[in-house]
Every structure is written in C-alpha cells, then in structure tokens.
Amino acid sequence: MAANKETTGVIYKCPLCFNTYIDVPVDTFEDGKYHCVKCGFVGTKEELLQKYAEFRDRYKLRNTRIPLEEQRKF
C-alpha cells in the first residue's frame, strides 16, 4: 500500500462502494490517483470529492418534510 503524506490521518472511502453501504478505503499510489481494491475505482482527489458531493446532494432533503402539493409538482 502506498503512503499518502498529503492527507496523513484522513481515510477516504470509495465513493462507488459507499453508495452500496460498504466502507472500503481507497489508497493513493505513485500516480497520485486513488484506487479501490474492491470495485476498481480510479480517480483523482477532485473526482473523489465530486462523488462525495453527489452523494450528499441525494440526501440533503432527508430530514425535510415535503408537502403533498410540492411532491405533485414533480
């Protein structure tokens, strides 16, 4: 496994495996990209953080009550 000196102490989870509720850590290799050992995800830090943002966007209204009238608009 490669050592990641830039983010020492930060453990990133694979965003694709995280969507299936399995926490698989990703490793940084010499090419500077993050690699998942389970699903084969390969991406830069920006791509990884973008996938996290997409995941958060799906659940941003989780604790908000949406009235029936608003639901019918969609």
PDB file of N, CA and C in Angstrom:
ATOM      1  N   MET A   1       0.839  -1.180   0.000  1.00  0.00           N
ATOM      2  CA  MET A   1       0.000   0.000   0.000  1.00  0.00           C
ATOM      3  C   MET A   1       0.883   1.241   0.000  1.00  0.00           C
ATOM      4  N   ALA A   2       0.403   2.226  -0.668  1.00  0.00           N
ATOM      5  CA  ALA A   2       1.164   3.451  -0.807  1.00  0.00           C
ATOM      6  C   ALA A   2       0.913   4.372   0.378  1.00  0.00           C
ATOM      7  N   ALA A   3       1.931   5.114   0.718  1.00  0.00           N
ATOM      8  CA  ALA A   3       1.812   6.074   1.814  1.00  0.00           C
ATOM      9  C   ALA A   3       1.340   7.402   1.245  1.00  0.00           C
ATOM     10  N   ASN A   4       0.417   8.023   1.922  1.00  0.00           N
ATOM     11  CA  ASN A   4      -0.127   9.303   1.478  1.00  0.00           C
ATOM     12  C   ASN A   4       0.279  10.366   2.484  1.00  0.00           C
ATOM     13  N   LYS A   5       1.306  11.133   2.149  1.00  0.00           N
ATOM     14  CA  LYS A   5       1.831  12.134   3.075  1.00  0.00           C
ATOM     15  C   LYS A   5       0.983  13.398   3.110  1.00  0.00           C
ATOM     16  N   GLU A   6       0.253  13.691   2.025  1.00  0.00           N
ATOM     17  CA  GLU A   6      -0.543  14.913   1.957  1.00  0.00           C
ATOM     18  C   GLU A   6      -1.739  14.860   2.901  1.00  0.00           C
ATOM     19  N   THR A   7      -2.371  13.725   3.024  1.00  0.00           N
ATOM     20  CA  THR A   7      -3.577  13.607   3.839  1.00  0.00           C
ATOM     21  C   THR A   7      -3.357  12.624   4.981  1.00  0.00           C
ATOM     22  N   THR A   8      -2.273  12.759   5.678  1.00  0.00           N
ATOM     23  CA  THR A   8      -1.994  11.879   6.792  1.00  0.00           C
ATOM     24  C   THR A   8      -3.098  12.001   7.834  1.00  0.00           C
ATOM     25  N   GLY A   9      -3.666  10.870   8.210  1.00  0.00           N
ATOM     26  CA  GLY A   9      -4.739  10.855   9.186  1.00  0.00           C
ATOM     27  C   GLY A   9      -6.126  10.879   8.576  1.00  0.00           C
ATOM     28  N   VAL A  10      -6.242  11.135   7.271  1.00  0.00           N
ATOM     29  CA  VAL A  10      -7.535  11.154   6.597  1.00  0.00           C
ATOM     30  C   VAL A  10      -7.679   9.846   5.824  1.00  0.00           C
ATOM     31  N   ILE A  11      -8.765   9.147   6.065  1.00  0.00           N
ATOM     32  CA  ILE A  11      -9.031   7.908   5.349  1.00  0.00           C
ATOM     33  C   ILE A  11     -10.242   8.148   4.463  1.00  0.00           C
ATOM     34  N   TYR A  12     -10.024   8.110   3.160  1.00  0.00           N
ATOM     35  CA  TYR A  12     -11.119   8.273   2.211  1.00  0.00           C
ATOM     36  C   TYR A  12     -11.728   6.919   1.920  1.00  0.00           C
ATOM     37  N   LYS A  13     -13.039   6.903   1.766  1.00  0.00           N
ATOM     38  CA  LYS A  13     -13.768   5.696   1.405  1.00  0.00           C
ATOM     39  C   LYS A  13     -14.088   5.741  -0.077  1.00  0.00           C
ATOM     40  N   CYS A  14     -14.186   4.578  -0.692  1.00  0.00           N
ATOM     41  CA  CYS A  14     -14.518   4.516  -2.111  1.00  0.00           C
ATOM     42  C   CYS A  14     -15.931   5.048  -2.315  1.00  0.00           C
ATOM     43  N   PRO A  15     -16.117   6.041  -3.184  1.00  0.00           N
ATOM     44  CA  PRO A  15     -17.452   6.607  -3.365  1.00  0.00           C
ATOM     45  C   PRO A  15     -18.422   5.647  -4.047  1.00  0.00           C
ATOM     46  N   LEU A  16     -17.943   4.747  -4.871  1.00  0.00           N
ATOM     47  CA  LEU A  16     -18.832   3.803  -5.537  1.00  0.00           C
ATOM     48  C   LEU A  16     -19.266   2.696  -4.587  1.00  0.00           C
ATOM     49  N   CYS A  17     -18.346   2.194  -3.779  1.00  0.00           N
ATOM     50  CA  CYS A  17     -18.697   1.176  -2.782  1.00  0.00           C
ATOM     51  C   CYS A  17     -19.522   1.796  -1.660  1.00  0.00           C
ATOM     52  N   PHE A  18     -19.288   3.076  -1.374  1.00  0.00           N
ATOM     53  CA  PHE A  18     -20.035   3.772  -0.322  1.00  0.00           C
ATOM     54  C   PHE A  18     -21.508   3.888  -0.696  1.00  0.00           C
ATOM     55  N   ASN A  19     -21.805   3.970  -1.980  1.00  0.00           N
ATOM     56  CA  ASN A  19     -23.193   4.014  -2.438  1.00  0.00           C
ATOM     57  C   ASN A  19     -23.918   2.715  -2.127  1.00  0.00           C
ATOM     58  N   THR A  20     -23.192   1.629  -1.976  1.00  0.00           N
ATOM     59  CA  THR A  20     -23.794   0.340  -1.640  1.00  0.00           C
ATOM     60  C   THR A  20     -23.657   0.043  -0.152  1.00  0.00           C
ATOM     61  N   TYR A  21     -23.310   1.059   0.640  1.00  0.00           N
ATOM     62  CA  TYR A  21     -23.197   0.964   2.096  1.00  0.00           C
ATOM     63  C   TYR A  21     -22.097   0.019   2.560  1.00  0.00           C
ATOM     64  N   ILE A  22     -21.051  -0.109   1.760  1.00  0.00           N
ATOM     65  CA  ILE A  22     -19.879  -0.879   2.159  1.00  0.00           C
ATOM     66  C   ILE A  22     -18.723   0.110   2.251  1.00  0.00           C
ATOM     67  N   ASP A  23     -18.080   0.186   3.404  1.00  0.00           N
ATOM     68  CA  ASP A  23     -16.953   1.107   3.574  1.00  0.00           C
ATOM     69  C   ASP A  23     -15.653   0.419   3.168  1.00  0.00           C
ATOM     70  N   VAL A  24     -15.132   0.801   2.012  1.00  0.00           N
ATOM     71  CA  VAL A  24     -13.868   0.272   1.513  1.00  0.00           C
ATOM     72  C   VAL A  24     -12.916   1.441   1.378  1.00  0.00           C
ATOM     73  N   PRO A  25     -11.815   1.455   2.133  1.00  0.00           N
ATOM     74  CA  PRO A  25     -10.866   2.566   1.998  1.00  0.00           C
ATOM     75  C   PRO A  25     -10.148   2.525   0.657  1.00  0.00           C
ATOM     76  N   VAL A  26      -9.819   3.699   0.145  1.00  0.00           N
ATOM     77  CA  VAL A  26      -9.054   3.799  -1.098  1.00  0.00           C
ATOM     78  C   VAL A  26      -7.627   4.186  -0.755  1.00  0.00           C
ATOM     79  N   ASP A  27      -6.695   3.741  -1.575  1.00  0.00           N
ATOM     80  CA  ASP A  27      -5.282   4.014  -1.376  1.00  0.00           C
ATOM     81  C   ASP A  27      -4.759   4.915  -2.474  1.00  0.00           C
ATOM     82  N   THR A  28      -3.753   5.717  -2.137  1.00  0.00           N
ATOM     83  CA  THR A  28      -3.102   6.562  -3.123  1.00  0.00           C
ATOM     84  C   THR A  28      -1.822   5.875  -3.570  1.00  0.00           C
ATOM     85  N   PHE A  29      -1.635   5.789  -4.857  1.00  0.00           N
ATOM     86  CA  PHE A  29      -0.444   5.165  -5.399  1.00  0.00           C
ATOM     87  C   PHE A  29       0.475   6.227  -5.993  1.00  0.00           C
ATOM     88  N   GLU A  30       1.571   5.786  -6.589  1.00  0.00           N
ATOM     89  CA  GLU A  30       2.584   6.701  -7.099  1.00  0.00           C
ATOM     90  C   GLU A  30       2.059   7.624  -8.190  1.00  0.00           C
ATOM     91  N   ASP A  31       1.018   7.204  -8.893  1.00  0.00           N
ATOM     92  CA  ASP A  31       0.472   8.045  -9.954  1.00  0.00           C
ATOM     93  C   ASP A  31      -0.384   9.186  -9.415  1.00  0.00           C
ATOM     94  N   GLY A  32      -0.572   9.264  -8.079  1.00  0.00           N
ATOM     95  CA  GLY A  32      -1.329  10.341  -7.466  1.00  0.00           C
ATOM     96  C   GLY A  32      -2.829  10.143  -7.501  1.00  0.00           C
ATOM     97  N   LYS A  33      -3.284   8.994  -7.952  1.00  0.00           N
ATOM     98  CA  LYS A  33      -4.715   8.718  -8.021  1.00  0.00           C
ATOM     99  C   LYS A  33      -5.107   7.747  -6.914  1.00  0.00           C
ATOM    100  N   TYR A  34      -6.386   7.792  -6.580  1.00  0.00           N
ATOM    101  CA  TYR A  34      -6.934   6.908  -5.558  1.00  0.00           C
ATOM    102  C   TYR A  34      -7.475   5.657  -6.229  1.00  0.00           C
ATOM    103  N   HIS A  35      -7.155   4.513  -5.667  1.00  0.00           N
ATOM    104  CA  HIS A  35      -7.556   3.225  -6.219  1.00  0.00           C
ATOM    105  C   HIS A  35      -8.340   2.440  -5.173  1.00  0.00           C
ATOM    106  N   CYS A  36      -9.479   1.870  -5.573  1.00  0.00           N
ATOM    107  CA  CYS A  36     -10.270   0.991  -4.708  1.00  0.00           C
ATOM    108  C   CYS A  36      -9.871  -0.448  -5.018  1.00  0.00           C
ATOM    109  N   VAL A  37      -9.645  -1.225  -3.974  1.00  0.00           N
ATOM    110  CA  VAL A  37      -9.240  -2.615  -4.184  1.00  0.00           C
ATOM    111  C   VAL A  37     -10.431  -3.522  -4.458  1.00  0.00           C
ATOM    112  N   LYS A  38     -11.631  -3.064  -4.151  1.00  0.00           N
ATOM    113  CA  LYS A  38     -12.814  -3.910  -4.325  1.00  0.00           C
ATOM    114  C   LYS A  38     -13.469  -3.740  -5.688  1.00  0.00           C
ATOM    115  N   CYS A  39     -13.759  -2.504  -6.081  1.00  0.00           N
ATOM    116  CA  CYS A  39     -14.524  -2.296  -7.317  1.00  0.00           C
ATOM    117  C   CYS A  39     -13.691  -1.788  -8.479  1.00  0.00           C
ATOM    118  N   GLY A  40     -12.482  -1.341  -8.246  1.00  0.00           N
ATOM    119  CA  GLY A  40     -11.659  -0.865  -9.343  1.00  0.00           C
ATOM    120  C   GLY A  40     -11.785   0.620  -9.623  1.00  0.00           C
ATOM    121  N   PHE A  41     -12.378   1.401  -8.715  1.00  0.00           N
ATOM    122  CA  PHE A  41     -12.492   2.851  -8.906  1.00  0.00           C
ATOM    123  C   PHE A  41     -11.093   3.463  -8.936  1.00  0.00           C
ATOM    124  N   VAL A  42     -10.861   4.326  -9.902  1.00  0.00           N
ATOM    125  CA  VAL A  42      -9.610   5.069 -10.011  1.00  0.00           C
ATOM    126  C   VAL A  42      -9.971   6.516 -10.279  1.00  0.00           C
ATOM    127  N   GLY A  43      -9.436   7.424  -9.456  1.00  0.00           N
ATOM    128  CA  GLY A  43      -9.733   8.826  -9.671  1.00  0.00           C
ATOM    129  C   GLY A  43      -8.827   9.736  -8.871  1.00  0.00           C
ATOM    130  N   THR A  44      -8.809  10.990  -9.250  1.00  0.00           N
ATOM    131  CA  THR A  44      -8.025  11.988  -8.533  1.00  0.00           C
ATOM    132  C   THR A  44      -8.781  12.425  -7.288  1.00  0.00           C
ATOM    133  N   LYS A  45      -8.132  13.267  -6.486  1.00  0.00           N
ATOM    134  CA  LYS A  45      -8.781  13.761  -5.273  1.00  0.00           C
ATOM    135  C   LYS A  45     -10.005  14.594  -5.618  1.00  0.00           C
ATOM    136  N   GLU A  46      -9.929  15.382  -6.688  1.00  0.00           N
ATOM    137  CA  GLU A  46     -11.057  16.205  -7.105  1.00  0.00           C
ATOM    138  C   GLU A  46     -12.242  15.336  -7.532  1.00  0.00           C
ATOM    139  N   GLU A  47     -11.969  14.267  -8.263  1.00  0.00           N
ATOM    140  CA  GLU A  47     -13.041  13.362  -8.676  1.00  0.00           C
ATOM    141  C   GLU A  47     -13.662  12.661  -7.473  1.00  0.00           C
ATOM    142  N   LEU A  48     -12.826  12.295  -6.512  1.00  0.00           N
ATOM    143  CA  LEU A  48     -13.300  11.645  -5.297  1.00  0.00           C
ATOM    144  C   LEU A  48     -14.213  12.573  -4.504  1.00  0.00           C
ATOM    145  N   LEU A  49     -13.791  13.819  -4.334  1.00  0.00           N
ATOM    146  CA  LEU A  49     -14.607  14.784  -3.602  1.00  0.00           C
ATOM    147  C   LEU A  49     -15.886  15.142  -4.359  1.00  0.00           C
ATOM    148  N   GLN A  50     -15.844  15.128  -5.699  1.00  0.00           N
ATOM    149  CA  GLN A  50     -17.038  15.369  -6.506  1.00  0.00           C
ATOM    150  C   GLN A  50     -18.062  14.255  -6.301  1.00  0.00           C
ATOM    151  N   LYS A  51     -17.594  13.016  -6.239  1.00  0.00           N
ATOM    152  CA  LYS A  51     -18.502  11.890  -5.992  1.00  0.00           C
ATOM    153  C   LYS A  51     -19.124  11.991  -4.605  1.00  0.00           C
ATOM    154  N   TYR A  52     -18.339  12.444  -3.609  1.00  0.00           N
ATOM    155  CA  TYR A  52     -18.886  12.652  -2.259  1.00  0.00           C
ATOM    156  C   TYR A  52     -19.978  13.727  -2.286  1.00  0.00           C
ATOM    157  N   ALA A  53     -19.746  14.802  -3.045  1.00  0.00           N
ATOM    158  CA  ALA A  53     -20.729  15.885  -3.137  1.00  0.00           C
ATOM    159  C   ALA A  53     -22.016  15.390  -3.794  1.00  0.00           C
ATOM    160  N   GLU A  54     -21.893  14.555  -4.815  1.00  0.00           N
ATOM    161  CA  GLU A  54     -23.077  13.988  -5.461  1.00  0.00           C
ATOM    162  C   GLU A  54     -23.856  13.110  -4.493  1.00  0.00           C
ATOM    163  N   PHE A  55     -23.150  12.358  -3.660  1.00  0.00           N
ATOM    164  CA  PHE A  55     -23.803  11.502  -2.669  1.00  0.00           C
ATOM    165  C   PHE A  55     -24.554  12.341  -1.642  1.00  0.00           C
ATOM    166  N   ARG A  56     -23.935  13.441  -1.180  1.00  0.00           N
ATOM    167  CA  ARG A  56     -24.596  14.325  -0.211  1.00  0.00           C
ATOM    168  C   ARG A  56     -25.821  14.996  -0.810  1.00  0.00           C
ATOM    169  N   ASP A  57     -25.766  15.359  -2.094  1.00  0.00           N
ATOM    170  CA  ASP A  57     -26.904  16.007  -2.745  1.00  0.00           C
ATOM    171  C   ASP A  57     -28.132  15.111  -2.783  1.00  0.00           C
ATOM    172  N   ARG A  58     -27.933  13.811  -2.873  1.00  0.00           N
ATOM    173  CA  ARG A  58     -29.072  12.893  -2.909  1.00  0.00           C
ATOM    174  C   ARG A  58     -29.848  12.893  -1.602  1.00  0.00           C
ATOM    175  N   TYR A  59     -29.161  13.160  -0.505  1.00  0.00           N
ATOM    176  CA  TYR A  59     -29.782  13.041   0.805  1.00  0.00           C
ATOM    177  C   TYR A  59     -29.938  14.372   1.535  1.00  0.00           C
ATOM    178  N   LYS A  60     -29.841  15.494   0.830  1.00  0.00           N
ATOM    179  CA  LYS A  60     -29.907  16.782   1.505  1.00  0.00           C
ATOM    180  C   LYS A  60     -31.295  17.094   2.044  1.00  0.00           C
ATOM    181  N   LEU A  61     -32.344  16.529   1.467  1.00  0.00           N
ATOM    182  CA  LEU A  61     -33.709  16.782   1.928  1.00  0.00           C
ATOM    183  C   LEU A  61     -34.237  15.656   2.819  1.00  0.00           C
ATOM    184  N   ARG A  62     -33.352  14.839   3.313  1.00  0.00           N
ATOM    185  CA  ARG A  62     -33.769  13.670   4.084  1.00  0.00           C
ATOM    186  C   ARG A  62     -34.569  14.039   5.325  1.00  0.00           C
ATOM    187  N   ASN A  63     -34.211  15.082   6.025  1.00  0.00           N
ATOM    188  CA  ASN A  63     -34.892  15.468   7.257  1.00  0.00           C
ATOM    189  C   ASN A  63     -35.911  16.588   7.046  1.00  0.00           C
ATOM    190  N   THR A  64     -36.301  16.830   5.805  1.00  0.00           N
ATOM    191  CA  THR A  64     -37.244  17.886   5.479  1.00  0.00           C
ATOM    192  C   THR A  64     -38.586  17.280   5.061  1.00  0.00           C
ATOM    193  N   ARG A  65     -39.629  17.793   5.636  1.00  0.00           N
ATOM    194  CA  ARG A  65     -40.970  17.330   5.252  1.00  0.00           C
ATOM    195  C   ARG A  65     -41.395  18.071   3.992  1.00  0.00           C
ATOM    196  N   ILE A  66     -41.773  17.322   2.980  1.00  0.00           N
ATOM    197  CA  ILE A  66     -42.221  17.904   1.720  1.00  0.00           C
ATOM    198  C   ILE A  66     -43.723  17.668   1.614  1.00  0.00           C
ATOM    199  N   PRO A  67     -44.512  18.733   1.586  1.00  0.00           N
ATOM    200  CA  PRO A  67     -45.973  18.581   1.488  1.00  0.00           C
ATOM    201  C   PRO A  67     -46.380  17.897   0.183  1.00  0.00           C
ATOM    202  N   LEU A  68     -47.539  17.310   0.188  1.00  0.00           N
ATOM    203  CA  LEU A  68     -48.051  16.585  -0.958  1.00  0.00           C
ATOM    204  C   LEU A  68     -48.174  17.471  -2.188  1.00  0.00           C
ATOM    205  N   GLU A  69     -48.537  18.743  -1.985  1.00  0.00           N
ATOM    206  CA  GLU A  69     -48.681  19.661  -3.121  1.00  0.00           C
ATOM    207  C   GLU A  69     -47.345  19.855  -3.830  1.00  0.00           C
ATOM    208  N   GLU A  70     -46.276  19.956  -3.078  1.00  0.00           N
ATOM    209  CA  GLU A  70     -44.950  20.109  -3.696  1.00  0.00           C
ATOM    210  C   GLU A  70     -44.512  18.831  -4.382  1.00  0.00           C
ATOM    211  N   GLN A  71     -44.859  17.689  -3.816  1.00  0.00           N
ATOM    212  CA  GLN A  71     -44.487  16.417  -4.444  1.00  0.00           C
ATOM    213  C   GLN A  71     -45.186  16.232  -5.779  1.00  0.00           C
ATOM    214  N   ARG A  72     -46.389  16.714  -5.884  1.00  0.00           N
ATOM    215  CA  ARG A  72     -47.149  16.563  -7.132  1.00  0.00           C
ATOM    216  C   ARG A  72     -46.609  17.433  -8.247  1.00  0.00           C
ATOM    217  N   LYS A  73     -45.808  18.446  -7.928  1.00  0.00           N
ATOM    218  CA  LYS A  73     -45.199  19.296  -8.947  1.00  0.00           C
ATOM    219  C   LYS A  73     -44.186  18.522  -9.786  1.00  0.00           C
ATOM    220  N   PHE A  74     -43.595  17.504  -9.182  1.00  0.00           N
ATOM    221  CA  PHE A  74     -42.570  16.740  -9.884  1.00  0.00           C
ATOM    222  C   PHE A  74     -43.237  15.674 -10.655  1.00  0.00           C
TER     223      PHE A  74
END
